[in-house]
Protein backbone atom coordinates (compact mmCIF):
# COMPACT_ATOMS: atom_id res chain seq x y z
CA MET A 1 165.80 54.38 86.56
CA ALA A 2 165.74 53.21 89.99
CA GLY A 3 167.21 55.37 92.77
CA HIS A 4 165.79 58.43 91.11
CA THR A 5 162.46 60.47 90.66
CA LEU A 6 159.96 60.68 87.95
CA VAL A 7 158.55 64.17 87.54
CA LEU A 8 155.23 64.99 85.66
CA THR A 9 154.25 68.30 84.40
CA VAL A 10 150.55 68.25 84.10
CA SER A 11 147.68 70.41 82.80
CA TYR A 12 144.03 69.97 83.44
CA ASP A 13 140.63 71.38 83.06
CA GLY A 14 139.29 71.63 86.93
CA ALA A 15 135.61 71.71 86.31
CA PRO A 16 135.12 67.86 86.46
CA PHE A 17 137.03 67.16 89.19
CA ARG A 18 136.59 67.37 93.19
CA GLY A 19 140.07 69.51 93.58
CA PHE A 20 143.85 68.01 92.85
CA ALA A 21 144.35 65.83 96.00
CA ARG A 22 143.14 62.61 96.02
CA GLN A 23 139.97 61.51 98.06
CA PRO A 24 138.27 58.41 97.92
CA GLY A 25 135.19 57.53 95.89
CA LEU A 26 135.74 61.02 94.52
CA PRO A 27 137.15 62.35 91.17
CA THR A 28 140.33 64.11 91.39
CA VAL A 29 143.15 65.15 89.59
CA GLN A 30 145.56 63.60 91.44
CA GLY A 31 143.35 60.15 91.57
CA ARG A 32 142.93 60.19 88.03
CA VAL A 33 147.13 60.68 87.55
CA GLU A 34 147.55 57.71 89.78
CA GLU A 35 145.06 55.36 88.19
CA ALA A 36 146.87 55.86 85.10
CA LEU A 37 150.25 55.14 86.42
CA GLY A 38 149.07 51.89 87.94
CA THR A 39 147.44 50.89 84.66
CA ILE A 40 150.89 51.47 83.11
CA LEU A 41 153.31 50.32 85.42
CA ARG A 42 151.33 47.48 86.88
CA HIS A 43 151.51 48.58 90.74
CA ASP A 44 149.92 51.59 92.77
CA VAL A 45 151.63 54.15 92.75
CA GLN A 46 151.32 57.51 94.92
CA THR A 47 152.59 60.84 93.93
CA VAL A 48 153.33 64.18 95.45
CA GLY A 49 152.09 67.31 94.00
CA ALA A 50 153.30 71.01 93.93
CA GLY A 51 150.05 72.44 95.26
CA ARG A 52 146.44 71.30 95.72
CA THR A 53 144.07 73.49 93.86
CA ASP A 54 140.64 73.50 94.94
CA THR A 55 137.24 72.07 93.28
CA GLY A 56 136.89 73.86 89.74
CA VAL A 57 140.60 75.32 89.87
CA HIS A 58 142.65 74.60 86.84
CA ALA A 59 146.30 74.00 85.97
CA LEU A 60 148.63 74.78 83.09
CA GLY A 61 151.93 73.84 85.33
CA GLN A 62 151.10 71.47 88.08
CA VAL A 63 154.08 69.44 88.80
CA MET A 64 153.82 65.92 90.41
CA SER A 65 156.69 63.60 91.76
CA PHE A 66 156.71 59.94 92.30
CA ASP A 67 159.77 57.12 93.29
CA ALA A 68 161.02 55.25 90.30
CA THR A 69 161.41 51.42 90.67
CA GLY A 70 163.50 51.46 87.54
CA ASP A 71 160.81 49.34 85.47
CA GLU A 72 159.23 52.43 83.82
CA PRO A 73 159.18 52.83 80.21
CA ALA A 74 161.35 55.54 78.94
CA PRO A 75 159.79 59.28 79.76
CA HIS A 76 158.55 60.07 76.11
CA ASP A 77 156.85 56.29 76.25
CA LEU A 78 155.57 57.23 79.44
CA LEU A 79 154.38 60.72 78.39
CA ARG A 80 152.36 59.22 75.44
CA SER A 81 150.62 56.44 77.24
CA LEU A 82 149.87 58.82 80.10
CA ASN A 83 148.02 60.88 77.63
CA ALA A 84 146.38 58.11 76.14
CA ILE A 85 144.84 56.99 79.29
CA ALA A 86 144.53 60.09 81.73
CA GLY A 87 142.43 62.15 79.21
CA PRO A 88 140.64 64.35 78.12
CA ASP A 89 140.55 66.37 80.88
CA VAL A 90 144.08 65.84 81.93
CA VAL A 91 146.97 66.54 79.83
CA VAL A 92 150.75 65.43 80.71
CA THR A 93 152.91 67.98 78.99
CA GLY A 94 156.00 66.91 80.32
CA VAL A 95 158.12 63.68 82.11
CA ARG A 96 161.57 64.72 83.60
CA ILE A 97 163.90 62.63 85.37
CA ALA A 98 165.20 63.99 89.04
CA PRO A 99 167.75 62.43 91.95
CA ALA A 100 165.89 60.51 94.18
CA GLY A 101 164.43 62.29 97.16
CA PHE A 102 163.36 64.94 94.85
CA SER A 103 159.76 66.62 96.11
CA ALA A 104 157.24 68.31 93.54
CA ARG A 105 156.17 70.10 96.63
CA PHE A 106 158.70 70.57 99.11
CA ASP A 107 161.57 71.41 96.68
CA ALA A 108 159.37 74.35 94.50
CA GLU A 109 160.97 77.66 94.99
CA THR A 110 157.86 79.74 93.58
CA ARG A 111 154.65 78.95 92.61
CA GLU A 112 152.94 81.31 89.84
CA TYR A 113 149.07 81.33 89.48
CA ARG A 114 146.74 83.41 87.14
CA TYR A 115 143.37 84.66 87.75
CA ARG A 116 141.38 85.99 84.88
CA ILE A 117 138.45 88.45 85.18
CA VAL A 118 136.14 89.11 82.20
CA PRO A 119 134.86 92.79 83.12
CA GLY A 120 131.77 94.72 81.44
CA PRO A 121 128.41 93.96 80.23
CA VAL A 122 128.98 91.35 77.63
CA PRO A 123 129.59 87.82 79.15
CA PRO A 124 132.31 85.87 77.76
CA LEU A 125 131.94 83.17 75.37
CA PHE A 126 135.03 81.20 74.70
CA LEU A 127 136.75 82.56 78.07
CA ARG A 128 133.74 81.36 80.15
CA PRO A 129 135.08 78.15 81.60
CA THR A 130 138.29 79.95 82.65
CA SER A 131 136.73 83.16 83.65
CA TRP A 132 135.01 85.22 86.23
CA TRP A 133 132.68 87.39 84.75
CA VAL A 134 131.91 90.32 86.64
CA LYS A 135 129.23 93.42 85.00
CA HIS A 136 131.11 96.31 85.75
CA ALA A 137 134.41 98.00 84.54
CA LEU A 138 137.62 97.99 86.68
CA ASP A 139 139.70 100.47 87.83
CA LEU A 140 143.18 98.73 86.93
CA GLU A 141 144.86 101.26 88.07
CA ALA A 142 143.28 101.60 91.32
CA MET A 143 143.87 97.71 91.72
CA ARG A 144 147.74 98.20 90.85
CA GLU A 145 147.90 100.44 93.86
CA ALA A 146 146.19 97.96 96.18
CA ALA A 147 148.37 95.17 95.16
CA ARG A 148 151.38 96.61 95.90
CA ALA A 149 150.74 96.17 99.59
CA LEU A 150 150.65 92.95 99.24
CA ILE A 151 154.47 92.31 97.94
CA GLY A 152 156.55 90.94 100.43
CA GLU A 153 156.38 88.80 103.79
CA HIS A 154 153.25 89.48 105.53
CA ASP A 155 150.85 87.28 107.74
CA PHE A 156 148.35 86.58 105.11
CA ALA A 157 145.37 85.34 108.01
CA SER A 158 143.15 87.67 106.34
CA PHE A 159 143.24 85.97 102.95
CA CYS A 160 142.39 82.41 103.51
CA VAL A 161 139.72 80.10 104.77
CA ALA A 162 139.34 80.86 108.49
CA GLU A 163 139.18 77.33 109.75
CA SER A 164 142.23 76.06 107.70
CA ALA A 165 144.33 78.80 109.44
CA GLU A 166 143.80 77.91 113.02
CA GLY A 167 147.09 76.95 114.85
CA LYS A 168 148.96 77.44 111.71
CA ASN A 169 151.78 79.83 110.27
CA THR A 170 149.89 82.00 107.86
CA VAL A 171 153.61 84.02 107.10
CA ARG A 172 154.03 84.07 103.32
CA THR A 173 156.10 85.81 100.77
CA LEU A 174 154.67 87.02 97.38
CA GLU A 175 157.32 88.17 94.94
CA SER A 176 154.91 89.98 92.37
CA VAL A 177 151.13 90.84 92.34
CA GLU A 178 150.47 92.17 88.71
CA VAL A 179 147.13 93.63 87.27
CA TYR A 180 147.15 93.71 83.30
CA PRO A 181 144.86 93.64 80.56
CA GLU A 182 144.87 90.68 78.09
CA GLU A 183 143.33 89.75 75.06
CA GLN A 184 142.15 86.11 74.09
CA LEU A 185 140.16 84.71 71.25
CA GLY A 186 139.06 88.06 70.82
CA GLU A 187 137.57 88.43 74.11
CA HIS A 188 138.79 91.20 76.57
CA SER A 189 139.97 90.37 79.85
CA VAL A 190 141.83 91.38 83.29
CA VAL A 191 144.41 89.05 84.47
CA VAL A 192 145.71 89.16 88.36
CA ARG A 193 149.00 87.10 88.20
CA VAL A 194 150.24 86.33 91.77
CA VAL A 195 153.80 84.81 92.33
CA GLY A 196 155.01 83.49 95.76
CA ASN A 197 156.66 80.78 97.75
CA ALA A 198 153.39 78.97 98.94
CA PHE A 199 149.93 79.80 99.54
CA LEU A 200 147.38 79.40 101.78
CA HIS A 201 143.74 77.84 101.44
CA SER A 202 142.05 79.92 98.58
CA MET A 203 144.63 82.56 99.37
CA VAL A 204 144.88 83.83 95.56
CA ARG A 205 141.03 83.86 95.37
CA VAL A 206 140.45 85.94 98.61
CA ILE A 207 143.16 88.17 96.88
CA VAL A 208 141.21 88.55 93.77
CA GLY A 209 138.25 89.15 95.36
CA THR A 210 139.60 92.04 97.92
CA LEU A 211 141.19 93.59 94.74
CA ALA A 212 138.00 93.70 92.95
CA GLU A 213 136.65 95.36 95.48
CA VAL A 214 138.93 98.22 94.85
CA GLY A 215 138.44 97.89 91.37
CA HIS A 216 134.79 98.32 91.44
CA GLY A 217 135.60 101.39 93.66
CA ARG A 218 133.76 99.88 96.59
CA ARG A 219 136.93 100.21 98.67
CA SER A 220 140.26 102.52 98.45
CA ALA A 221 143.86 101.29 97.50
CA ALA A 222 144.77 101.92 100.81
CA TRP A 223 142.13 99.34 102.33
CA VAL A 224 144.22 96.41 101.19
CA ALA A 225 147.04 97.28 103.82
CA GLN A 226 144.23 97.58 106.69
CA VAL A 227 143.00 94.21 105.73
CA ILE A 228 146.74 92.45 105.99
CA GLU A 229 146.90 94.46 109.42
CA SER A 230 143.72 93.12 110.97
CA ARG A 231 144.43 89.31 110.24
CA ASP A 232 140.92 88.77 110.12
CA ARG A 233 139.27 87.19 107.41
CA THR A 234 135.91 88.85 107.76
CA ALA A 235 137.82 92.16 106.91
CA ALA A 236 138.51 91.16 103.54
CA GLY A 237 136.91 91.14 100.31
CA PRO A 238 134.74 87.70 98.96
CA THR A 239 136.35 84.84 97.57
CA ALA A 240 136.19 84.64 93.75
CA PRO A 241 134.96 81.90 92.22
CA PRO A 242 136.93 78.87 91.31
CA GLU A 243 136.82 78.78 87.67
CA GLY A 244 138.82 82.07 87.03
CA LEU A 245 142.12 80.55 88.84
CA THR A 246 144.89 78.44 86.90
CA LEU A 247 148.11 77.21 88.62
CA TRP A 248 150.05 78.23 85.68
CA HIS A 249 153.73 77.83 86.64
CA VAL A 250 156.06 75.67 89.47
CA CYS A 251 159.58 77.04 89.48
CA TYR A 252 162.67 74.80 90.62
CA ALA A 253 166.10 75.22 90.64
CA ASP A 254 167.62 75.34 87.28
CA ASP A 255 170.36 72.24 88.30
CA MET A 256 167.74 69.85 89.64
CA TRP A 257 167.15 67.70 86.44
CA LEU A 258 169.20 64.82 85.57
């Protein structure tokens, strides 16, 4: 449909990729999807992603958009063709139509990430590719108390790659930071769910590493507020490994779709 935008919802296993964003000569999710689109549509396609995930980070609900020319197959046919070509590490779960000018990045209202930790002396089996195994128990109540300091609008300079923040606005708003137990495939885990308007480079992983310090009893819950106030990356906890993180969902206005 000419004069409109096509919008893909994409899931992927981040392990084989050097992140989401296209990089010449390197395997990336965006590169894989654009290559598949080029094969189907017989012309180069440049997409816009809702969020740039790092090497090894997964997605259940990444969103990608590109301008339609009017020569594209129907959404259900495009979905089927993309999954035949882009897989098996990338799965397109939906194709929608939005007005011209829609941007998967700039029209996003909120982004939701979930980070999975498996605590305890027994390593995970089924959850191993998508979780961080820590060998000690976690105090979830202390982590929840610490997480409350993160909610709202703050300068999150302490919670991102320091070089990426130089000369940039590091103020972000978090709507929710939840910590809760969850069982999947018979294995116990702890999920840190973070919802916000936008995120800095590695921000969720630094938040998780910082909350884990509290959960292990190495730091008090009150320490997190001090970390925010310091605006210093060295004041926060370690960056949690990438494999535990998943871009879960991106939210847009309900009336966005045609």
